[in-house]
């Protein structure tokens, strides 16, 4: 297990956002191959990515678009199961780790065990995109297990969530709230995203609001920031770079360059 950020004095995710807007990368654990992950993570760190969201391989990535679905297909074909994926999470070294898994899968593999192993392997938080949609009755269990294992809370919402529920989430003091801008990852953003971000930011107030699903260009990043986003998540566009037939060095340079451009857009004054 990595020793990185495993002490009680480690910087919190919530504190990360006090430094300014953050760029967050999404990677499916083990894609394109477990041996490639450390070098990909280092390439992201060079681009000043604030945190990395690591997706637990699943056979049913129900809220993901075709690009991310393909990454899960590759990892499951490699036979990368939950325990191997968690060990890989512990082996990579980065500033902040958020483990993203589907609650549906967590119930099958052992819910409390997943929280325990996530904490042991350096995760700052466990994020379940289907928790509040498909398993709202499990919300209390999620908060209790997060507190038991010293994990920060993070909630996934969509633009269709009732406003009362969104404001209630703030009362649980999450490290951030993740707003999914589209029905699935990797699709083009509609022109209404600025309004949706603006509305949700007014609801969550000082709680960091990160947005994702379909962000791949600097102008999109700037639009999200202008509307009030505290951070953006990039996943499908990054996965496409990882699947290119370039040599390893070229691929890593492309990843660093691409994410650096987005990072600079995030820093630009809206």
Protein backbone atom coordinates (compact mmCIF):
# COMPACT_ATOMS: atom_id res chain seq x y z
CA UNK A 1 0.00 0.00 0.00
CA UNK A 2 1.21 3.50 -0.82
CA UNK A 3 2.26 5.67 2.10
CA UNK A 4 1.17 8.77 0.22
CA UNK A 5 -1.50 10.73 2.08
CA UNK A 6 -2.26 8.00 4.58
CA UNK A 7 -1.56 9.92 7.78
CA UNK A 8 -4.05 11.85 9.86
CA UNK A 9 -2.30 15.10 8.91
CA UNK A 10 -2.87 14.70 5.19
CA UNK A 11 -4.46 17.55 3.28
CA UNK A 12 -8.21 17.18 2.90
CA UNK A 13 -10.05 17.33 -0.38
CA UNK A 14 -12.07 20.21 0.98
CA UNK A 15 -8.85 22.12 1.68
CA UNK A 16 -7.70 21.47 -1.88
CA UNK A 17 -10.48 23.65 -3.24
CA UNK A 18 -9.49 26.50 -0.96
CA UNK A 19 -6.43 26.85 -3.20
CA UNK A 20 -8.61 27.65 -6.19
CA UNK A 21 -10.38 25.87 -9.01
CA UNK A 22 -9.30 22.29 -9.58
CA UNK A 23 -8.83 20.01 -12.55
CA UNK A 24 -9.79 16.40 -11.81
CA UNK A 25 -8.93 13.47 -14.05
CA UNK A 26 -10.89 10.25 -14.35
CA UNK A 27 -9.11 6.94 -14.96
CA UNK A 28 -10.55 3.43 -14.93
CA UNK A 29 -8.30 1.39 -12.66
CA UNK A 30 -6.08 -0.90 -14.74
CA UNK A 31 -6.73 0.73 -18.12
CA UNK A 32 -5.18 0.18 -20.59
CA UNK A 33 -3.09 -2.20 -18.46
CA UNK A 34 -2.18 -2.18 -14.76
CA UNK A 35 1.50 -1.70 -15.58
CA UNK A 36 0.74 1.55 -17.44
CA UNK A 37 -1.09 3.29 -14.60
CA UNK A 38 1.87 4.71 -12.63
CA UNK A 39 3.31 6.49 -15.68
CA UNK A 40 -0.11 7.85 -16.68
CA UNK A 41 -0.65 9.18 -13.15
CA UNK A 42 2.78 10.87 -13.24
CA UNK A 43 1.87 12.49 -16.56
CA UNK A 44 -1.29 13.87 -14.96
CA UNK A 45 0.61 15.14 -11.94
CA UNK A 46 2.89 17.10 -14.28
CA UNK A 47 -0.22 18.86 -15.57
CA UNK A 48 -1.09 19.98 -12.02
CA UNK A 49 -4.18 17.82 -11.71
CA UNK A 50 -5.56 18.35 -8.21
CA UNK A 51 -7.14 14.92 -7.80
CA UNK A 52 -7.71 11.74 -9.74
CA UNK A 53 -10.99 9.89 -9.72
CA UNK A 54 -10.26 6.19 -10.11
CA UNK A 55 -13.10 4.09 -11.46
CA UNK A 56 -13.58 0.59 -10.11
CA UNK A 57 -13.80 -1.83 -13.07
CA UNK A 58 -17.36 -3.01 -13.60
CA UNK A 59 -19.29 -5.11 -16.08
CA UNK A 60 -22.18 -2.64 -15.89
CA UNK A 61 -20.95 0.98 -16.22
CA UNK A 62 -24.55 2.13 -16.48
CA UNK A 63 -23.97 5.90 -16.38
CA UNK A 64 -20.95 5.93 -18.66
CA UNK A 65 -20.79 6.68 -22.36
CA UNK A 66 -19.20 4.47 -25.02
CA UNK A 67 -15.60 5.58 -24.43
CA UNK A 68 -15.54 4.86 -20.70
CA UNK A 69 -17.59 1.70 -21.24
CA UNK A 70 -14.81 0.44 -23.47
CA UNK A 71 -12.23 1.03 -20.73
CA UNK A 72 -14.29 -1.10 -18.36
CA UNK A 73 -14.65 -3.78 -21.00
CA UNK A 74 -10.86 -3.93 -21.40
CA UNK A 75 -10.16 -4.11 -17.67
CA UNK A 76 -12.77 -6.76 -16.97
CA UNK A 77 -11.41 -8.84 -19.86
CA UNK A 78 -8.01 -8.58 -18.18
CA UNK A 79 -9.61 -10.20 -15.16
CA UNK A 80 -9.06 -7.18 -12.93
CA UNK A 81 -11.41 -7.74 -10.01
CA UNK A 82 -12.14 -5.57 -7.00
CA UNK A 83 -9.25 -6.71 -4.81
CA UNK A 84 -6.67 -6.33 -7.58
CA UNK A 85 -8.10 -2.92 -8.47
CA UNK A 86 -7.86 -1.76 -4.86
CA UNK A 87 -4.26 -2.91 -4.62
CA UNK A 88 -3.54 -0.94 -7.78
CA UNK A 89 -5.19 2.09 -6.20
CA UNK A 90 -2.80 1.76 -3.28
CA UNK A 91 0.21 1.38 -5.54
CA UNK A 92 -0.26 4.64 -7.46
CA UNK A 93 1.05 7.85 -5.92
CA UNK A 94 -0.86 11.09 -6.40
CA UNK A 95 -2.01 14.06 -4.38
CA UNK A 96 -5.63 13.01 -3.94
CA UNK A 97 -7.51 9.83 -4.82
CA UNK A 98 -11.26 9.52 -5.16
CA UNK A 99 -12.54 5.99 -5.70
CA UNK A 100 -15.58 5.91 -7.95
CA UNK A 101 -17.68 2.75 -7.85
CA UNK A 102 -21.26 1.82 -8.48
CA UNK A 103 -23.22 1.14 -5.32
CA UNK A 104 -24.80 -1.79 -7.11
CA UNK A 105 -21.37 -3.44 -7.36
CA UNK A 106 -20.39 -2.44 -3.83
CA UNK A 107 -23.34 -4.32 -2.40
CA UNK A 108 -22.26 -7.44 -4.29
CA UNK A 109 -18.59 -7.39 -3.29
CA UNK A 110 -19.18 -6.28 0.30
CA UNK A 111 -20.04 -2.71 1.16
CA UNK A 112 -18.15 -2.21 4.40
CA UNK A 113 -15.15 -4.11 3.11
CA UNK A 114 -14.96 -1.72 0.16
CA UNK A 115 -14.94 1.31 2.46
CA UNK A 116 -12.24 -0.27 4.62
CA UNK A 117 -10.03 -1.25 1.69
CA UNK A 118 -10.52 2.12 -0.01
CA UNK A 119 -9.29 3.87 3.12
CA UNK A 120 -6.37 1.45 3.50
CA UNK A 121 -5.28 2.17 -0.06
CA UNK A 122 -5.21 5.93 0.25
CA UNK A 123 -8.62 7.02 -1.03
CA UNK A 124 -9.83 10.36 0.26
CA UNK A 125 -13.44 9.64 -0.60
CA UNK A 126 -15.76 7.06 -2.12
CA UNK A 127 -18.08 8.42 -4.80
CA UNK A 128 -21.13 6.41 -5.90
CA UNK A 129 -22.91 7.95 -8.90
CA UNK A 130 -25.93 5.68 -8.46
CA UNK A 131 -26.34 6.13 -4.69
CA UNK A 132 -28.87 8.95 -4.65
CA UNK A 133 -30.57 7.80 -7.85
CA UNK A 134 -31.01 4.05 -7.36
CA UNK A 135 -30.30 3.57 -3.64
CA UNK A 136 -31.51 6.68 -1.77
CA UNK A 137 -32.46 4.49 1.21
CA UNK A 138 -28.73 3.71 1.62
CA UNK A 139 -27.71 7.33 2.10
CA UNK A 140 -27.38 7.09 5.87
CA UNK A 141 -25.31 3.92 5.55
CA UNK A 142 -22.97 5.71 3.16
CA UNK A 143 -22.42 8.65 5.51
CA UNK A 144 -21.92 6.38 8.52
CA UNK A 145 -19.36 4.18 6.77
CA UNK A 146 -17.53 7.21 5.40
CA UNK A 147 -17.18 8.59 8.91
CA UNK A 148 -16.24 5.21 10.38
CA UNK A 149 -13.32 4.77 7.99
CA UNK A 150 -12.18 8.39 7.91
CA UNK A 151 -13.27 9.07 4.36
CA UNK A 152 -14.59 12.41 3.20
CA UNK A 153 -18.06 12.47 1.72
CA UNK A 154 -18.74 13.28 -1.93
CA UNK A 155 -22.11 13.26 -3.64
CA UNK A 156 -23.11 12.86 -7.27
CA UNK A 157 -26.14 14.76 -8.54
CA UNK A 158 -27.72 15.59 -11.87
CA UNK A 159 -29.46 18.72 -13.08
CA UNK A 160 -32.84 17.05 -12.47
CA UNK A 161 -32.32 16.58 -8.71
CA UNK A 162 -34.88 18.36 -6.50
CA UNK A 163 -33.39 21.59 -5.17
CA UNK A 164 -34.44 20.74 -1.61
CA UNK A 165 -32.39 17.52 -1.75
CA UNK A 166 -29.34 19.38 -3.05
CA UNK A 167 -29.44 21.86 -0.18
CA UNK A 168 -29.86 18.99 2.30
CA UNK A 169 -26.69 17.37 0.96
CA UNK A 170 -24.74 20.50 1.87
CA UNK A 171 -25.65 19.97 5.52
CA UNK A 172 -23.53 16.79 5.50
CA UNK A 173 -20.41 18.86 4.74
CA UNK A 174 -19.13 16.95 1.70
CA UNK A 175 -15.68 17.59 0.28
CA UNK A 176 -17.46 18.36 -2.98
CA UNK A 177 -20.66 17.79 -4.91
CA UNK A 178 -20.27 16.40 -8.41
CA UNK A 179 -22.78 17.65 -10.96
CA UNK A 180 -23.18 15.38 -13.97
CA UNK A 181 -24.03 17.67 -16.86
CA UNK A 182 -25.38 14.97 -19.16
CA UNK A 183 -27.12 11.60 -18.89
CA UNK A 184 -23.84 9.77 -19.54
CA UNK A 185 -20.15 10.56 -19.92
CA UNK A 186 -18.48 11.74 -23.10
CA UNK A 187 -21.43 13.29 -24.95
CA UNK A 188 -21.45 16.84 -26.29
CA UNK A 189 -22.58 19.54 -23.88
CA UNK A 190 -25.79 21.48 -24.57
CA UNK A 191 -25.94 25.25 -24.51
CA UNK A 192 -27.93 25.13 -21.25
CA UNK A 193 -25.00 23.96 -19.12
CA UNK A 194 -24.08 27.43 -17.88
CA UNK A 195 -27.56 28.00 -16.51
CA UNK A 196 -27.62 24.58 -14.84
CA UNK A 197 -24.24 25.14 -13.19
CA UNK A 198 -25.27 28.61 -12.06
CA UNK A 199 -28.45 27.29 -10.42
CA UNK A 200 -26.69 24.43 -8.65
CA UNK A 201 -23.86 26.64 -7.42
CA UNK A 202 -26.36 29.00 -5.85
CA UNK A 203 -27.89 26.02 -4.06
CA UNK A 204 -24.64 24.53 -2.72
CA UNK A 205 -23.07 27.86 -1.76
CA UNK A 206 -19.48 27.51 -0.48
CA UNK A 207 -19.47 23.72 -0.91
CA UNK A 208 -17.18 22.97 -3.87
CA UNK A 209 -19.13 22.11 -7.01
CA UNK A 210 -17.32 20.07 -9.63
CA UNK A 211 -18.83 19.34 -13.02
CA UNK A 212 -18.21 16.65 -15.58
CA UNK A 213 -19.55 14.52 -18.44
CA UNK A 214 -18.56 15.78 -21.88
CA UNK A 215 -15.82 18.30 -21.05
CA UNK A 216 -12.91 18.16 -23.48
CA UNK A 217 -12.11 21.66 -24.74
CA UNK A 218 -10.66 24.80 -23.12
CA UNK A 219 -13.69 26.90 -24.02
CA UNK A 220 -15.95 24.40 -22.23
CA UNK A 221 -13.78 24.61 -19.13
CA UNK A 222 -13.94 28.40 -19.19
CA UNK A 223 -17.71 28.33 -19.63
CA UNK A 224 -18.11 26.04 -16.62
CA UNK A 225 -15.88 28.24 -14.49
CA UNK A 226 -17.69 31.39 -15.54
CA UNK A 227 -20.98 29.78 -14.50
CA UNK A 228 -19.62 29.03 -11.03
CA UNK A 229 -17.95 25.61 -11.12
CA UNK A 230 -15.13 25.08 -8.63
CA UNK A 231 -13.64 22.23 -10.62
CA UNK A 232 -14.05 20.16 -13.75
CA UNK A 233 -13.66 16.42 -14.32
CA UNK A 234 -12.19 15.12 -17.57
CA UNK A 235 -12.58 11.44 -18.39
CA UNK A 236 -13.65 10.39 -21.87
CA UNK A 237 -11.32 12.79 -23.66
CA UNK A 238 -8.44 11.51 -21.54
CA UNK A 239 -9.36 7.89 -22.23
CA UNK A 240 -9.26 8.60 -25.96
CA UNK A 241 -5.68 9.84 -25.63
CA UNK A 242 -4.72 6.71 -23.75
CA UNK A 243 -6.12 4.53 -26.53
CA UNK A 244 -4.10 6.20 -29.28
CA UNK A 245 -1.50 4.05 -31.07
CA UNK A 246 1.37 6.41 -30.18
CA UNK A 247 4.47 5.15 -28.46
CA UNK A 248 4.40 5.29 -24.67
CA UNK A 249 6.51 8.46 -24.52
CA UNK A 250 4.43 10.25 -27.13
CA UNK A 251 1.25 9.19 -25.40
CA UNK A 252 2.36 10.44 -22.00
CA UNK A 253 3.52 13.75 -23.49
CA UNK A 254 0.14 14.13 -25.17
CA UNK A 255 -1.66 13.49 -21.90
CA UNK A 256 0.42 16.07 -20.04
CA UNK A 257 0.01 18.65 -22.81
CA UNK A 258 -3.74 18.15 -23.15
CA UNK A 259 -4.40 18.39 -19.43
CA UNK A 260 -2.03 21.35 -19.04
CA UNK A 261 -4.02 23.28 -21.64
CA UNK A 262 -7.23 22.58 -19.73
CA UNK A 263 -5.52 23.49 -16.44
CA UNK A 264 -4.49 26.86 -17.92
CA UNK A 265 -8.08 27.44 -19.05
CA UNK A 266 -9.23 26.71 -15.52
CA UNK A 267 -6.82 29.32 -14.20
CA UNK A 268 -7.89 31.97 -16.71
CA UNK A 269 -10.01 34.81 -15.38
CA UNK A 270 -13.64 34.25 -16.37
